[in-house]
C-alpha atoms as a PDB file:
ATOM      1  CA  MET A   1       0.000   0.000   0.000  1.00  0.00           C
ATOM      2  CA  LYS A   2       1.226   3.453  -0.827  1.00  0.00           C
ATOM      3  CA  LEU A   3       0.358   6.285   1.526  1.00  0.00           C
ATOM      4  CA  LEU A   4       0.957   9.992   1.046  1.00  0.00           C
ATOM      5  CA  THR A   5       0.380  12.185   4.066  1.00  0.00           C
ATOM      6  CA  SER A   6       0.901  15.909   4.485  1.00  0.00           C
ATOM      7  CA  SER A   7       1.328  18.048   7.543  1.00  0.00           C
ATOM      8  CA  VAL A   8       1.557  21.557   8.929  1.00  0.00           C
ATOM      9  CA  SER A   9       3.798  21.775  11.956  1.00  0.00           C
ATOM     10  CA  ALA A  10       4.810  24.248  14.623  1.00  0.00           C
ATOM     11  CA  VAL A  11       7.635  23.052  16.863  1.00  0.00           C
ATOM     12  CA  VAL A  12       9.962  24.517  19.493  1.00  0.00           C
ATOM     13  CA  LEU A  13      13.209  22.573  19.875  1.00  0.00           C
ATOM     14  CA  SER A  14      15.942  22.943  22.452  1.00  0.00           C
ATOM     15  CA  ALA A  15      19.466  21.613  22.124  1.00  0.00           C
ATOM     16  CA  PHE A  16      22.688  21.796  24.065  1.00  0.00           C
ATOM     17  CA  SER A  17      24.882  22.257  20.991  1.00  0.00           C
ATOM     18  CA  PRO A  18      25.909  25.863  20.316  1.00  0.00           C
ATOM     19  CA  LEU A  19      25.737  25.069  16.578  1.00  0.00           C
ATOM     20  CA  PHE A  20      21.976  24.602  16.866  1.00  0.00           C
ATOM     21  CA  SER A  21      21.265  28.346  16.827  1.00  0.00           C
ATOM     22  CA  TYR A  22      23.589  29.288  13.962  1.00  0.00           C
ATOM     23  CA  ALA A  23      21.974  30.033  10.639  1.00  0.00           C
ATOM     24  CA  ASP A  24      23.339  28.598   7.397  1.00  0.00           C
ATOM     25  CA  HIS A  25      24.272  25.243   8.816  1.00  0.00           C
ATOM     26  CA  LEU A  26      23.654  21.623   7.957  1.00  0.00           C
ATOM     27  CA  GLN A  27      22.887  18.899  10.468  1.00  0.00           C
ATOM     28  CA  THR A  28      21.798  15.281  10.505  1.00  0.00           C
ATOM     29  CA  GLY A  29      19.739  13.451  13.038  1.00  0.00           C
ATOM     30  CA  VAL A  30      17.885  10.336  14.018  1.00  0.00           C
ATOM     31  CA  TYR A  31      14.167  10.618  14.648  1.00  0.00           C
ATOM     32  CA  LEU A  32      11.163   8.696  15.897  1.00  0.00           C
ATOM     33  CA  SER A  33       7.824  10.011  14.705  1.00  0.00           C
ATOM     34  CA  GLY A  34       4.156   9.187  14.625  1.00  0.00           C
ATOM     35  CA  GLU A  35       1.814   9.974  11.738  1.00  0.00           C
ATOM     36  CA  SER A  36      -1.954   9.969  11.961  1.00  0.00           C
ATOM     37  CA  LEU A  37      -4.013   8.615   9.087  1.00  0.00           C
ATOM     38  CA  ALA A  38      -7.519   9.651   8.176  1.00  0.00           C
ATOM     39  CA  THR A  39     -10.036   7.148   9.535  1.00  0.00           C
ATOM     40  CA  THR A  40     -11.445   6.359   6.072  1.00  0.00           C
ATOM     41  CA  LYS A  41      -7.979   5.665   4.609  1.00  0.00           C
ATOM     42  CA  SER A  42      -7.122   3.571   7.650  1.00  0.00           C
ATOM     43  CA  LYS A  43     -10.272   1.447   7.228  1.00  0.00           C
ATOM     44  CA  ASP A  44      -9.768   1.097   3.461  1.00  0.00           C
ATOM     45  CA  GLU A  45      -6.207  -0.205   3.904  1.00  0.00           C
ATOM     46  CA  GLY A  46      -6.918  -2.268   7.008  1.00  0.00           C
ATOM     47  CA  ILE A  47      -4.346  -0.554   9.198  1.00  0.00           C
ATOM     48  CA  GLY A  48      -4.522   1.434  12.415  1.00  0.00           C
ATOM     49  CA  THR A  49      -4.764   5.219  12.402  1.00  0.00           C
ATOM     50  CA  GLN A  50      -1.206   5.616  13.765  1.00  0.00           C
ATOM     51  CA  LEU A  51       2.014   4.866  11.886  1.00  0.00           C
ATOM     52  CA  LYS A  52       5.367   4.931  13.643  1.00  0.00           C
ATOM     53  CA  THR A  53       8.617   5.752  11.831  1.00  0.00           C
ATOM     54  CA  PHE A  54      12.263   5.462  12.869  1.00  0.00           C
ATOM     55  CA  GLY A  55      14.732   7.092  10.522  1.00  0.00           C
ATOM     56  CA  ALA A  56      17.467   9.572   9.732  1.00  0.00           C
ATOM     57  CA  ASP A  57      17.203  13.092   8.355  1.00  0.00           C
ATOM     58  CA  LEU A  58      19.237  15.921   6.887  1.00  0.00           C
ATOM     59  CA  HIS A  59      18.318  19.457   7.979  1.00  0.00           C
ATOM     60  CA  LYS A  60      19.566  22.685   6.355  1.00  0.00           C
ATOM     61  CA  THR A  61      18.970  26.194   7.713  1.00  0.00           C
ATOM     62  CA  ILE A  62      19.635  29.278   5.563  1.00  0.00           C
ATOM     63  CA  PRO A  63      19.300  32.946   6.686  1.00  0.00           C
ATOM     64  CA  LEU A  64      16.249  34.701   5.230  1.00  0.00           C
ATOM     65  CA  ASN A  65      16.553  38.067   6.969  1.00  0.00           C
ATOM     66  CA  SER A  66      17.740  39.383  10.357  1.00  0.00           C
ATOM     67  CA  THR A  67      14.750  37.800  12.145  1.00  0.00           C
ATOM     68  CA  PHE A  68      13.977  34.523  10.388  1.00  0.00           C
ATOM     69  CA  ASP A  69      15.781  31.612   8.781  1.00  0.00           C
ATOM     70  CA  ARG A  70      14.292  29.282   6.213  1.00  0.00           C
ATOM     71  CA  TYR A  71      14.845  25.562   6.525  1.00  0.00           C
ATOM     72  CA  PHE A  72      14.286  22.300   4.742  1.00  0.00           C
ATOM     73  CA  THR A  73      14.487  18.730   5.952  1.00  0.00           C
ATOM     74  CA  LEU A  74      14.707  15.465   4.009  1.00  0.00           C
ATOM     75  CA  GLY A  75      14.531  12.045   5.659  1.00  0.00           C
ATOM     76  CA  ILE A  76      14.167   8.329   5.141  1.00  0.00           C
ATOM     77  CA  GLY A  77      12.868   5.775   7.590  1.00  0.00           C
ATOM     78  CA  LEU A  78      11.310   2.438   8.418  1.00  0.00           C
ATOM     79  CA  THR A  79       7.585   2.616   9.118  1.00  0.00           C
ATOM     80  CA  GLY A  80       5.189   0.222  10.810  1.00  0.00           C
ATOM     81  CA  GLY A  81       1.576   0.201  11.908  1.00  0.00           C
ATOM     82  CA  ASP A  82      -1.178  -1.901  13.458  1.00  0.00           C
ATOM     83  CA  ASP A  83      -2.505  -4.566  11.082  1.00  0.00           C
ATOM     84  CA  LYS A  84      -6.311  -4.463  11.321  1.00  0.00           C
ATOM     85  CA  LYS A  85      -6.846  -7.075   8.561  1.00  0.00           C
ATOM     86  CA  PRO A  86      -4.108  -9.609   9.295  1.00  0.00           C
ATOM     87  CA  PHE A  87      -3.717 -13.002   7.715  1.00  0.00           C
ATOM     88  CA  VAL A  88      -2.284 -16.066   9.445  1.00  0.00           C
ATOM     89  CA  GLN A  89       0.050 -18.571   7.838  1.00  0.00           C
ATOM     90  CA  GLY A  90       1.776 -21.724   9.005  1.00  0.00           C
ATOM     91  CA  VAL A  91       5.564 -21.277   9.164  1.00  0.00           C
ATOM     92  CA  GLN A  92       8.144 -24.031   9.517  1.00  0.00           C
ATOM     93  CA  GLN A  93      11.708 -23.498  10.746  1.00  0.00           C
ATOM     94  CA  GLY A  94      14.047 -25.661   8.686  1.00  0.00           C
ATOM     95  CA  SER A  95      13.015 -28.835   6.941  1.00  0.00           C
ATOM     96  CA  GLY A  96      11.076 -31.142   9.189  1.00  0.00           C
ATOM     97  CA  GLY A  97      10.750 -28.542  11.966  1.00  0.00           C
ATOM     98  CA  THR A  98       7.650 -27.788  13.941  1.00  0.00           C
ATOM     99  CA  VAL A  99       4.998 -25.732  12.152  1.00  0.00           C
ATOM    100  CA  PHE A 100       3.740 -22.706  14.052  1.00  0.00           C
ATOM    101  CA  TYR A 101       1.363 -19.963  12.986  1.00  0.00           C
ATOM    102  CA  GLU A 102       2.412 -16.357  12.487  1.00  0.00           C
ATOM    103  CA  GLU A 103       0.225 -13.307  11.958  1.00  0.00           C
ATOM    104  CA  SER A 104       1.056 -10.686   9.346  1.00  0.00           C
ATOM    105  CA  SER A 105       2.287  -7.194  10.180  1.00  0.00           C
ATOM    106  CA  ILE A 106       2.507  -3.840   8.398  1.00  0.00           C
ATOM    107  CA  PHE A 107       6.032  -2.639   7.636  1.00  0.00           C
ATOM    108  CA  GLY A 108       7.874  -0.670   4.953  1.00  0.00           C
ATOM    109  CA  ALA A 109       9.948   2.331   3.946  1.00  0.00           C
ATOM    110  CA  SER A 110       9.114   6.018   3.988  1.00  0.00           C
ATOM    111  CA  ILE A 111      10.604   9.285   2.806  1.00  0.00           C
ATOM    112  CA  PHE A 112       9.629  12.756   3.951  1.00  0.00           C
ATOM    113  CA  GLY A 113      10.414  16.383   3.404  1.00  0.00           C
ATOM    114  CA  ASP A 114       9.358  19.651   4.909  1.00  0.00           C
ATOM    115  CA  ILE A 115      10.122  23.319   4.424  1.00  0.00           C
ATOM    116  CA  GLY A 116       9.398  26.403   6.476  1.00  0.00           C
ATOM    117  CA  LEU A 117      10.596  29.242   8.667  1.00  0.00           C
ATOM    118  CA  ALA A 118      12.769  29.056  11.780  1.00  0.00           C
ATOM    119  CA  LYS A 119      13.476  31.646  14.472  1.00  0.00           C
ATOM    120  CA  SER A 120      16.151  31.486  17.119  1.00  0.00           C
ATOM    121  CA  LEU A 121      14.571  31.996  20.563  1.00  0.00           C
ATOM    122  CA  SER A 122      17.774  31.713  22.597  1.00  0.00           C
ATOM    123  CA  ALA A 123      21.264  30.251  22.300  1.00  0.00           C
ATOM    124  CA  ASN A 124      19.804  26.739  22.667  1.00  0.00           C
ATOM    125  CA  SER A 125      16.227  26.986  21.311  1.00  0.00           C
ATOM    126  CA  MET A 126      14.609  27.456  17.918  1.00  0.00           C
ATOM    127  CA  ALA A 127      10.982  27.620  16.809  1.00  0.00           C
ATOM    128  CA  PHE A 128       9.917  26.083  13.475  1.00  0.00           C
ATOM    129  CA  LEU A 129       6.766  26.612  11.403  1.00  0.00           C
ATOM    130  CA  GLY A 130       6.506  24.539   8.260  1.00  0.00           C
ATOM    131  CA  VAL A 131       4.636  22.282   5.864  1.00  0.00           C
ATOM    132  CA  GLY A 132       5.670  18.816   4.848  1.00  0.00           C
ATOM    133  CA  SER A 133       4.780  15.570   3.172  1.00  0.00           C
ATOM    134  CA  ASN A 134       5.513  11.916   3.865  1.00  0.00           C
ATOM    135  CA  TYR A 135       5.360   9.005   1.386  1.00  0.00           C
ATOM    136  CA  SER A 136       5.236   5.463   2.762  1.00  0.00           C
ATOM    137  CA  TYR A 137       5.442   2.187   0.826  1.00  0.00           C
ATOM    138  CA  LEU A 138       4.110  -0.477   3.171  1.00  0.00           C
ATOM    139  CA  LYS A 139       3.601  -4.236   2.871  1.00  0.00           C
ATOM    140  CA  ARG A 140       1.405  -6.618   4.826  1.00  0.00           C
ATOM    141  CA  GLU A 141       3.552  -9.706   5.349  1.00  0.00           C
ATOM    142  CA  ILE A 142       5.020 -12.183   7.791  1.00  0.00           C
ATOM    143  CA  SER A 143       8.526 -10.962   8.509  1.00  0.00           C
ATOM    144  CA  ASP A 144      11.608 -13.181   8.088  1.00  0.00           C
ATOM    145  CA  CYS A 145       9.700 -15.741   6.056  1.00  0.00           C
ATOM    146  CA  SER A 146      10.693 -16.938   2.612  1.00  0.00           C
ATOM    147  CA  GLY A 147       7.836 -18.147   0.444  1.00  0.00           C
ATOM    148  CA  CYS A 148       5.171 -16.675   2.727  1.00  0.00           C
ATOM    149  CA  GLU A 149       2.214 -14.706   1.469  1.00  0.00           C
ATOM    150  CA  SER A 150       2.810 -10.963   1.020  1.00  0.00           C
ATOM    151  CA  GLU A 151       0.300  -8.253   0.208  1.00  0.00           C
ATOM    152  CA  LYS A 152       1.425  -5.108  -1.643  1.00  0.00           C
ATOM    153  CA  ASN A 153      -1.209  -2.654  -2.833  1.00  0.00           C
END
């Protein structure tokens, strides 16, 4: 399943690095985020309304004027969600091993980007106001299973 979500965000971040408040700098980071899906899209795809993503991003801040900076962020991550329409399949470890039953899960890759304005509030804090979009390519499958059923929409 392919999901495209968009967002408007307002965030205040604090950091202990003195580089955080300098304009015209580039930084990378690791993030954990949650995205909310519309209830109708969630029901159509058979997944929960919350997706969780763990990933890495690249953030660039450029001076706009004496008060504001502009910024952009690009990131990639691994995304998962609650499977509301799971399937169950018998799985066997090795040849002749015991068969046990596993339930499918929702997992895949995502990319995101956002752009907006930033303002330094203090030496260690910045406020961000921006718009962004996230694209996720998710599969319903049983993980670590060769030859198992997989559902890609």
